[in-house]
């Protein structure tokens, strides 16, 4: 993926992660397994998907993933980031390994 192609995707992911981090714990744990919405970034339409699942250690994993198709419709550019939240509300960033299935 070219740097120029990644910028709007990364921006959409950063914005969504910041929005999610501002929610309180009760809202985060009530998120469905996935939701998708379309956003406009730099005159591009980007799909932003929010994934929510529970890790084996009991933490809630929240991932924002942005994607868009290439100009000719072949392939997809992806960007993802997120965090995990424990039952006491403590947040931590996800490792590259934890994000790998979203890339």
C-alpha atoms as a PDB file:
ATOM      1  CA  UNK A   1       0.000   0.000   0.000  1.00  0.00           C
ATOM      2  CA  UNK A   2       1.389   3.403  -0.872  1.00  0.00           C
ATOM      3  CA  UNK A   3       1.868   5.966   1.872  1.00  0.00           C
ATOM      4  CA  UNK A   4      -0.614   8.280   0.178  1.00  0.00           C
ATOM      5  CA  UNK A   5      -3.273   5.548   0.090  1.00  0.00           C
ATOM      6  CA  UNK A   6      -2.717   4.735   3.753  1.00  0.00           C
ATOM      7  CA  UNK A   7      -3.084   8.274   5.113  1.00  0.00           C
ATOM      8  CA  UNK A   8      -6.913   8.536   4.889  1.00  0.00           C
ATOM      9  CA  UNK A   9      -7.292   5.013   6.257  1.00  0.00           C
ATOM     10  CA  UNK A  10      -4.956   5.695   9.170  1.00  0.00           C
ATOM     11  CA  UNK A  11      -6.757   8.972   9.872  1.00  0.00           C
ATOM     12  CA  UNK A  12     -10.137   7.221   9.941  1.00  0.00           C
ATOM     13  CA  UNK A  13      -8.798   4.531  12.287  1.00  0.00           C
ATOM     14  CA  UNK A  14      -7.165   7.065  14.644  1.00  0.00           C
ATOM     15  CA  UNK A  15     -10.373   9.095  14.824  1.00  0.00           C
ATOM     16  CA  UNK A  16     -12.520   6.027  15.514  1.00  0.00           C
ATOM     17  CA  UNK A  17     -10.181   4.672  18.212  1.00  0.00           C
ATOM     18  CA  UNK A  18     -10.191   8.062  19.964  1.00  0.00           C
ATOM     19  CA  UNK A  19     -14.000   8.150  19.796  1.00  0.00           C
ATOM     20  CA  UNK A  20     -14.214   4.646  21.256  1.00  0.00           C
ATOM     21  CA  UNK A  21     -11.724   5.367  24.042  1.00  0.00           C
ATOM     22  CA  UNK A  22     -13.921   8.274  25.152  1.00  0.00           C
ATOM     23  CA  UNK A  23     -16.875   5.922  25.780  1.00  0.00           C
ATOM     24  CA  UNK A  24     -17.383   4.615  29.282  1.00  0.00           C
ATOM     25  CA  UNK A  25     -16.941   0.939  30.103  1.00  0.00           C
ATOM     26  CA  UNK A  26     -20.668   0.133  30.076  1.00  0.00           C
ATOM     27  CA  UNK A  27     -20.991   1.393  26.494  1.00  0.00           C
ATOM     28  CA  UNK A  28     -17.913  -0.494  25.312  1.00  0.00           C
ATOM     29  CA  UNK A  29     -19.016  -3.858  26.713  1.00  0.00           C
ATOM     30  CA  UNK A  30     -22.421  -3.426  25.071  1.00  0.00           C
ATOM     31  CA  UNK A  31     -20.935  -2.958  21.591  1.00  0.00           C
ATOM     32  CA  UNK A  32     -22.089  -5.624  19.130  1.00  0.00           C
ATOM     33  CA  UNK A  33     -19.578  -8.066  17.619  1.00  0.00           C
ATOM     34  CA  UNK A  34     -19.212  -5.754  14.613  1.00  0.00           C
ATOM     35  CA  UNK A  35     -20.630  -2.566  13.173  1.00  0.00           C
ATOM     36  CA  UNK A  36     -19.828  -0.799   9.927  1.00  0.00           C
ATOM     37  CA  UNK A  37     -20.315   2.726   8.693  1.00  0.00           C
ATOM     38  CA  UNK A  38     -19.106   4.783   5.750  1.00  0.00           C
ATOM     39  CA  UNK A  39     -17.064   7.927   6.386  1.00  0.00           C
ATOM     40  CA  UNK A  40     -15.643  10.549   4.049  1.00  0.00           C
ATOM     41  CA  UNK A  41     -11.950  11.371   4.483  1.00  0.00           C
ATOM     42  CA  UNK A  42     -10.156  13.615   1.980  1.00  0.00           C
ATOM     43  CA  UNK A  43     -12.963  13.136  -0.572  1.00  0.00           C
ATOM     44  CA  UNK A  44     -12.689   9.334  -0.285  1.00  0.00           C
ATOM     45  CA  UNK A  45     -15.388   7.022   1.013  1.00  0.00           C
ATOM     46  CA  UNK A  46     -13.959   4.643   3.576  1.00  0.00           C
ATOM     47  CA  UNK A  47     -15.670   1.794   5.401  1.00  0.00           C
ATOM     48  CA  UNK A  48     -14.933   1.795   9.131  1.00  0.00           C
ATOM     49  CA  UNK A  49     -15.688  -1.442  10.946  1.00  0.00           C
ATOM     50  CA  UNK A  50     -15.590  -1.715  14.726  1.00  0.00           C
ATOM     51  CA  UNK A  51     -14.954  -5.219  16.039  1.00  0.00           C
ATOM     52  CA  UNK A  52     -15.647  -6.259  19.639  1.00  0.00           C
ATOM     53  CA  UNK A  53     -14.809  -9.587  21.202  1.00  0.00           C
ATOM     54  CA  UNK A  54     -13.551 -11.005  24.454  1.00  0.00           C
ATOM     55  CA  UNK A  55     -10.003 -12.268  24.833  1.00  0.00           C
ATOM     56  CA  UNK A  56      -9.277 -15.493  26.754  1.00  0.00           C
ATOM     57  CA  UNK A  57      -8.046 -13.435  29.731  1.00  0.00           C
ATOM     58  CA  UNK A  58     -11.450 -11.705  30.031  1.00  0.00           C
ATOM     59  CA  UNK A  59     -10.463  -8.392  28.446  1.00  0.00           C
ATOM     60  CA  UNK A  60     -12.722  -6.809  25.859  1.00  0.00           C
ATOM     61  CA  UNK A  61     -10.872  -6.270  22.566  1.00  0.00           C
ATOM     62  CA  UNK A  62     -12.045  -3.269  20.551  1.00  0.00           C
ATOM     63  CA  UNK A  63     -10.606  -2.846  17.053  1.00  0.00           C
ATOM     64  CA  UNK A  64     -11.295  -0.130  14.491  1.00  0.00           C
ATOM     65  CA  UNK A  65     -10.554  -1.249  10.951  1.00  0.00           C
ATOM     66  CA  UNK A  66     -10.744   1.014   7.904  1.00  0.00           C
ATOM     67  CA  UNK A  67     -10.807  -0.295   4.360  1.00  0.00           C
ATOM     68  CA  UNK A  68     -11.423   0.833   0.831  1.00  0.00           C
ATOM     69  CA  UNK A  69     -11.242  -0.843  -2.523  1.00  0.00           C
ATOM     70  CA  UNK A  70      -8.613   0.078  -5.071  1.00  0.00           C
ATOM     71  CA  UNK A  71      -9.668   2.317  -7.936  1.00  0.00           C
ATOM     72  CA  UNK A  72     -10.401  -0.615 -10.211  1.00  0.00           C
ATOM     73  CA  UNK A  73     -12.145  -2.602  -7.491  1.00  0.00           C
ATOM     74  CA  UNK A  74      -9.338  -5.149  -7.219  1.00  0.00           C
ATOM     75  CA  UNK A  75      -8.129  -5.742  -3.700  1.00  0.00           C
ATOM     76  CA  UNK A  76      -8.619  -3.701  -0.577  1.00  0.00           C
ATOM     77  CA  UNK A  77      -6.417  -1.346   1.422  1.00  0.00           C
ATOM     78  CA  UNK A  78      -6.647  -1.957   5.191  1.00  0.00           C
ATOM     79  CA  UNK A  79      -5.629  -0.201   8.381  1.00  0.00           C
ATOM     80  CA  UNK A  80      -6.460  -1.260  11.948  1.00  0.00           C
ATOM     81  CA  UNK A  81      -5.752  -0.288  15.526  1.00  0.00           C
ATOM     82  CA  UNK A  82      -7.417  -0.808  18.855  1.00  0.00           C
ATOM     83  CA  UNK A  83      -7.206  -1.513  22.528  1.00  0.00           C
ATOM     84  CA  UNK A  84      -8.187  -3.994  25.192  1.00  0.00           C
ATOM     85  CA  UNK A  85     -10.090  -3.076  28.324  1.00  0.00           C
ATOM     86  CA  UNK A  86     -10.185  -5.086  31.532  1.00  0.00           C
ATOM     87  CA  UNK A  87     -13.176  -5.393  33.836  1.00  0.00           C
ATOM     88  CA  UNK A  88     -11.806  -2.636  36.061  1.00  0.00           C
ATOM     89  CA  UNK A  89     -11.677  -0.210  33.114  1.00  0.00           C
ATOM     90  CA  UNK A  90      -7.927  -0.343  32.532  1.00  0.00           C
ATOM     91  CA  UNK A  91      -6.994   0.099  28.852  1.00  0.00           C
ATOM     92  CA  UNK A  92      -3.955  -1.123  26.987  1.00  0.00           C
ATOM     93  CA  UNK A  93      -2.897  -0.904  23.350  1.00  0.00           C
ATOM     94  CA  UNK A  94      -3.109  -4.055  21.259  1.00  0.00           C
ATOM     95  CA  UNK A  95       0.062  -5.722  20.052  1.00  0.00           C
ATOM     96  CA  UNK A  96       0.789  -6.246  16.373  1.00  0.00           C
ATOM     97  CA  UNK A  97       0.050  -9.941  16.902  1.00  0.00           C
ATOM     98  CA  UNK A  98      -3.385  -9.154  18.371  1.00  0.00           C
ATOM     99  CA  UNK A  99      -4.130  -6.900  15.377  1.00  0.00           C
ATOM    100  CA  UNK A 100      -2.742  -9.262  12.730  1.00  0.00           C
ATOM    101  CA  UNK A 101      -6.065 -10.951  11.993  1.00  0.00           C
ATOM    102  CA  UNK A 102      -7.573  -7.530  11.174  1.00  0.00           C
ATOM    103  CA  UNK A 103      -4.929  -6.573   8.618  1.00  0.00           C
END
